[in-house]
Amino acid sequence: MPESLHKIALVTGAARGIGLATARRFLSEGWRVALLDIEGEVLAQAVAEIARPEATLALTCDLGDPEQITAAFAALTARFGRLDALVNNAGTAVFKPLLETTHEEWNRVLAVNLTGPFLTVQAAAPLMADTGGGAIVNITSISGLRASTLRVAYGTSKAGLAHLTKQQAAELASLGIRVNAVAPGPVDTAMAKAVHSAEIRADYRDAIPLARYGLEEELAEAIFFLCSDRASYITGQVLAVDGGFDAVGIGLATLRGERRNR
């Protein structure tokens, strides 16, 4: 197939976790994929392990820096010449109490998690419009749908990203561009394994109707679906991929305990 006929996806935060799983999912369907991440060495290792040099492009970029975003899109355009899907997965977090979160920490989280997707979509939309449209998926979080401790900057940035998704969907539809969001619940990533204690993991399992963490590949499936033609009439939506976590309130663990004790 001529290079110009391949569909092209850009996945940010693609060096590991959900982003890398999503990049692999696109590749499995014959797409070409640009993988973007701030951690250049980890990204290079991931791309080397994929071992598809004809189908991949590694872009080292800090999404908190507008000039780096501009340079990354210039490199993508030079290599592939088009863009059909953008997955705004990159993010950063500071887990501190509200009264201890500094101005600098607040600004950094919002710059990467909210301003970054604002700027990448501004850069991506003209490229997509040139070939008749495309699809964008912003990765928000269950923390943007329900409040929790130690997430004042992170949760607020993700809530803002959910609304930005709707703004982008409303304005870009006329260009043939659909914009949706996926809000992951607890996912069994390397980061979660490192920072979630056994007690926290048990609390999550008790609170989630499906009683387990999600898998990176399960998130990738939802993301790929929203980018595919099968989702051609879906835009402006936030899909929680969370095992039912956002759908329930208190009492689930108690109910399960009562059932076990019968």
Protein backbone atom coordinates (compact mmCIF):
# COMPACT_ATOMS: atom_id res chain seq x y z
CA MET A 1 0.00 0.00 0.00
CA PRO A 2 1.43 3.43 -0.89
CA GLU A 3 2.54 5.42 2.16
CA SER A 4 -0.01 8.14 1.42
CA LEU A 5 -2.88 5.65 1.80
CA HIS A 6 -1.96 4.44 5.27
CA LYS A 7 -3.90 5.97 8.11
CA ILE A 8 -1.74 7.86 10.59
CA ALA A 9 -2.20 8.13 14.36
CA LEU A 10 -0.34 10.25 16.89
CA VAL A 11 -0.34 8.95 20.45
CA THR A 12 1.10 11.10 23.23
CA GLY A 13 2.49 9.62 26.41
CA ALA A 14 3.29 6.55 24.33
CA ALA A 15 6.49 5.29 25.93
CA ARG A 16 4.65 2.99 28.31
CA GLY A 17 1.29 2.06 29.81
CA ILE A 18 -1.99 2.93 28.13
CA GLY A 19 -0.27 5.03 25.47
CA LEU A 20 2.03 2.23 24.35
CA ALA A 21 -0.82 -0.30 24.38
CA THR A 22 -2.85 2.08 22.23
CA ALA A 23 0.01 2.55 19.77
CA ARG A 24 0.31 -1.21 19.45
CA ARG A 25 -3.44 -1.48 18.86
CA PHE A 26 -3.29 0.97 15.95
CA LEU A 27 -0.30 -0.86 14.49
CA SER A 28 -2.17 -4.18 14.67
CA GLU A 29 -4.79 -2.67 12.34
CA GLY A 30 -2.24 -1.53 9.76
CA TRP A 31 -1.96 2.11 10.82
CA ARG A 32 1.27 4.09 10.91
CA VAL A 33 1.89 5.57 14.37
CA ALA A 34 3.85 8.50 15.74
CA LEU A 35 4.66 7.85 19.39
CA LEU A 36 5.33 10.98 21.45
CA ASP A 37 6.72 11.15 24.97
CA ILE A 38 8.84 13.40 27.18
CA GLU A 39 11.09 10.48 28.18
CA GLY A 40 13.22 10.07 25.09
CA GLU A 41 15.25 7.06 26.20
CA VAL A 42 12.22 5.08 27.37
CA LEU A 43 10.42 5.99 24.15
CA ALA A 44 13.36 4.88 22.01
CA GLN A 45 13.42 1.53 23.82
CA ALA A 46 9.67 1.05 23.31
CA VAL A 47 9.91 1.82 19.58
CA ALA A 48 12.89 -0.52 19.25
CA GLU A 49 10.89 -3.31 20.90
CA ILE A 50 7.99 -2.73 18.50
CA ALA A 51 10.54 -3.25 15.70
CA ARG A 52 8.42 -1.65 12.98
CA PRO A 53 10.66 1.17 11.73
CA GLU A 54 8.65 1.59 8.54
CA ALA A 55 5.46 2.16 10.53
CA THR A 56 6.60 4.16 13.57
CA LEU A 57 8.04 7.56 14.39
CA ALA A 58 9.43 8.50 17.81
CA LEU A 59 8.90 12.10 18.89
CA THR A 60 10.49 13.37 22.09
CA CYS A 61 8.41 16.31 23.30
CA ASP A 62 7.38 18.13 26.48
CA LEU A 63 3.71 19.03 26.02
CA GLY A 64 4.16 21.86 28.49
CA ASP A 65 6.32 23.64 25.89
CA PRO A 66 4.43 25.07 22.87
CA GLU A 67 7.59 25.32 20.77
CA GLN A 68 8.30 21.62 21.24
CA ILE A 69 4.74 20.79 20.18
CA THR A 70 5.19 22.83 17.00
CA ALA A 71 8.47 21.01 16.25
CA ALA A 72 6.89 17.60 16.87
CA PHE A 73 4.06 18.28 14.43
CA ALA A 74 6.52 19.53 11.84
CA ALA A 75 8.43 16.24 12.14
CA LEU A 76 5.21 14.23 11.91
CA THR A 77 4.11 16.12 8.80
CA ALA A 78 7.50 15.70 7.17
CA ARG A 79 7.45 11.94 7.75
CA PHE A 80 3.80 11.00 7.13
CA GLY A 81 2.19 14.03 5.47
CA ARG A 82 -1.21 13.50 7.08
CA LEU A 83 -2.97 12.73 10.37
CA ASP A 84 -6.13 10.70 10.91
CA ALA A 85 -6.23 10.18 14.68
CA LEU A 86 -4.82 11.94 17.73
CA VAL A 87 -4.80 10.38 21.18
CA ASN A 88 -4.00 12.89 23.92
CA ASN A 89 -2.83 10.42 26.56
CA ALA A 90 0.19 12.18 28.07
CA GLY A 91 -0.30 13.52 31.57
CA THR A 92 1.40 14.35 34.83
CA ALA A 93 0.24 14.38 38.43
CA VAL A 94 1.12 15.77 41.84
CA PHE A 95 -0.40 13.84 44.73
CA LYS A 96 -0.39 16.34 47.57
CA PRO A 97 -3.00 17.95 49.84
CA LEU A 98 -4.67 21.06 48.44
CA LEU A 99 -3.03 23.35 51.01
CA GLU A 100 0.43 21.95 50.24
CA THR A 101 0.25 22.08 46.44
CA THR A 102 2.46 24.89 45.16
CA HIS A 103 1.63 27.38 42.45
CA GLU A 104 4.40 25.91 40.31
CA GLU A 105 3.03 22.36 40.70
CA TRP A 106 -0.49 23.52 39.88
CA ASN A 107 0.71 25.35 36.75
CA ARG A 108 2.77 22.38 35.54
CA VAL A 109 -0.09 19.89 35.86
CA LEU A 110 -2.52 22.19 34.03
CA ALA A 111 0.08 23.01 31.36
CA VAL A 112 0.62 19.35 30.47
CA ASN A 113 -2.85 17.91 31.10
CA LEU A 114 -5.05 20.71 29.80
CA THR A 115 -3.08 23.26 27.78
CA GLY A 116 -1.13 20.48 26.03
CA PRO A 117 -4.26 18.88 24.50
CA PHE A 118 -5.56 22.36 23.60
CA LEU A 119 -2.39 23.02 21.61
CA THR A 120 -2.07 19.57 20.03
CA VAL A 121 -5.64 19.75 18.75
CA GLN A 122 -5.00 23.20 17.31
CA ALA A 123 -2.01 21.71 15.46
CA ALA A 124 -3.77 18.50 14.46
CA ALA A 125 -7.06 19.87 13.16
CA PRO A 126 -5.73 21.53 9.98
CA LEU A 127 -3.81 18.34 9.08
CA MET A 128 -6.94 16.23 9.55
CA ALA A 129 -9.12 18.68 7.64
CA ASP A 130 -6.77 18.46 4.65
CA THR A 131 -7.76 14.81 4.15
CA GLY A 132 -11.45 15.11 5.04
CA GLY A 133 -11.40 14.81 8.81
CA GLY A 134 -10.34 12.49 11.58
CA ALA A 135 -10.84 11.54 15.21
CA ILE A 136 -9.42 12.78 18.49
CA VAL A 137 -9.57 11.02 21.84
CA ASN A 138 -8.56 12.87 24.99
CA ILE A 139 -7.66 10.70 27.97
CA THR A 140 -9.27 12.22 31.03
CA SER A 141 -9.68 10.27 34.27
CA ILE A 142 -12.25 9.09 36.71
CA SER A 143 -10.60 11.74 38.93
CA GLY A 144 -12.13 14.35 36.63
CA LEU A 145 -15.62 12.95 37.25
CA ARG A 146 -15.50 12.44 41.01
CA ALA A 147 -13.36 14.21 43.61
CA SER A 148 -10.76 12.48 45.74
CA THR A 149 -8.04 13.49 48.17
CA LEU A 150 -4.56 14.53 47.02
CA ARG A 151 -5.69 15.27 43.45
CA VAL A 152 -6.57 18.96 43.43
CA ALA A 153 -4.44 19.80 40.38
CA TYR A 154 -4.77 16.47 38.61
CA GLY A 155 -8.52 16.07 39.09
CA THR A 156 -9.22 19.67 38.12
CA SER A 157 -7.09 19.39 34.99
CA LYS A 158 -8.92 16.23 33.93
CA ALA A 159 -12.34 17.77 34.61
CA GLY A 160 -11.29 20.70 32.44
CA LEU A 161 -10.13 18.30 29.73
CA ALA A 162 -13.55 16.63 29.72
CA HIS A 163 -15.20 19.97 28.99
CA LEU A 164 -12.50 20.92 26.49
CA THR A 165 -13.43 17.70 24.67
CA LYS A 166 -17.00 18.94 24.26
CA GLN A 167 -15.83 22.37 23.09
CA GLN A 168 -13.54 20.78 20.53
CA ALA A 169 -16.29 18.43 19.35
CA ALA A 170 -18.72 21.30 18.87
CA GLU A 171 -16.33 23.44 16.85
CA LEU A 172 -14.48 20.81 14.81
CA ALA A 173 -17.47 18.80 13.58
CA SER A 174 -17.76 21.06 10.54
CA LEU A 175 -14.26 19.94 9.55
CA GLY A 176 -15.22 16.27 9.75
CA ILE A 177 -13.37 15.82 13.05
CA ARG A 178 -14.90 13.87 15.91
CA VAL A 179 -13.65 14.47 19.47
CA ASN A 180 -14.35 12.17 22.40
CA ALA A 181 -12.74 11.32 25.71
CA VAL A 182 -12.00 8.15 27.63
CA ALA A 183 -11.94 8.36 31.42
CA PRO A 184 -9.97 5.43 32.82
CA GLY A 185 -10.65 4.11 36.27
CA PRO A 186 -7.92 2.20 38.13
CA VAL A 187 -5.73 0.50 35.53
CA ASP A 188 -3.01 -2.07 36.20
CA THR A 189 -0.15 0.06 34.88
CA ALA A 190 3.42 0.02 36.15
CA MET A 191 2.73 3.35 37.89
CA ALA A 192 -0.31 1.98 39.70
CA LYS A 193 1.63 -1.06 40.81
CA ALA A 194 4.33 1.23 42.19
CA VAL A 195 2.16 3.72 44.08
CA HIS A 196 -0.94 1.73 45.10
CA SER A 197 -0.42 -0.19 48.31
CA ALA A 198 -2.11 -3.52 48.92
CA GLU A 199 -4.65 -1.69 51.08
CA ILE A 200 -5.47 0.82 48.34
CA ARG A 201 -5.81 -1.94 45.76
CA ALA A 202 -8.22 -3.77 48.07
CA ASP A 203 -10.24 -0.58 48.55
CA TYR A 204 -10.54 -0.14 44.80
CA ARG A 205 -11.59 -3.75 44.25
CA ASP A 206 -14.26 -3.35 46.93
CA ALA A 207 -15.61 -0.18 45.27
CA ILE A 208 -15.61 -1.40 41.65
CA PRO A 209 -18.57 -3.52 40.51
CA LEU A 210 -16.30 -5.69 38.33
CA ALA A 211 -14.01 -6.06 41.38
CA ARG A 212 -10.69 -5.63 39.57
CA TYR A 213 -8.34 -3.17 37.96
CA GLY A 214 -8.60 -2.59 34.23
CA LEU A 215 -5.94 -3.69 31.78
CA GLU A 216 -4.00 -1.36 29.50
CA GLU A 217 -5.24 -3.34 26.52
CA GLU A 218 -8.87 -2.82 27.56
CA LEU A 219 -8.35 0.94 27.54
CA ALA A 220 -6.62 0.68 24.17
CA GLU A 221 -9.64 -1.14 22.72
CA ALA A 222 -12.01 1.66 23.78
CA ILE A 223 -9.66 4.34 22.47
CA PHE A 224 -9.19 2.59 19.13
CA PHE A 225 -12.94 2.09 18.74
CA LEU A 226 -13.60 5.82 19.19
CA CYS A 227 -10.95 6.58 16.57
CA SER A 228 -12.33 4.06 14.10
CA ASP A 229 -15.06 4.38 11.49
CA ARG A 230 -17.26 2.18 13.70
CA ALA A 231 -17.71 5.24 15.94
CA SER A 232 -18.61 7.51 13.03
CA TYR A 233 -21.67 9.05 14.75
CA ILE A 234 -20.12 9.49 18.19
CA THR A 235 -18.66 12.84 19.21
CA GLY A 236 -18.55 15.04 22.29
CA GLN A 237 -18.76 12.08 24.68
CA VAL A 238 -16.80 11.07 27.78
CA LEU A 239 -16.67 7.28 28.13
CA ALA A 240 -15.73 5.97 31.57
CA VAL A 241 -13.79 2.72 31.16
CA ASP A 242 -13.70 1.90 34.83
CA GLY A 243 -15.41 -1.38 35.64
CA GLY A 244 -18.47 0.56 36.81
CA PHE A 245 -16.59 2.60 39.43
CA ASP A 246 -18.24 5.91 38.56
CA ALA A 247 -21.71 4.36 38.41
CA VAL A 248 -21.93 3.38 42.07
CA GLY A 249 -21.93 5.19 45.40
CA ILE A 250 -21.21 3.90 48.88
CA GLY A 251 -22.35 0.56 50.21
CA LEU A 252 -21.08 -1.88 47.58
CA ALA A 253 -18.44 -3.41 49.85
CA THR A 254 -20.94 -3.75 52.69
CA LEU A 255 -23.46 -5.45 50.39
CA ARG A 256 -20.84 -7.90 49.22
CA GLY A 257 -19.88 -8.63 52.82
CA GLU A 258 -23.50 -9.34 53.72
CA ARG A 259 -23.81 -11.71 50.78
CA ARG A 260 -20.66 -13.54 51.79
CA ASN A 261 -21.93 -13.94 55.34
CA ARG A 262 -25.29 -15.42 54.39
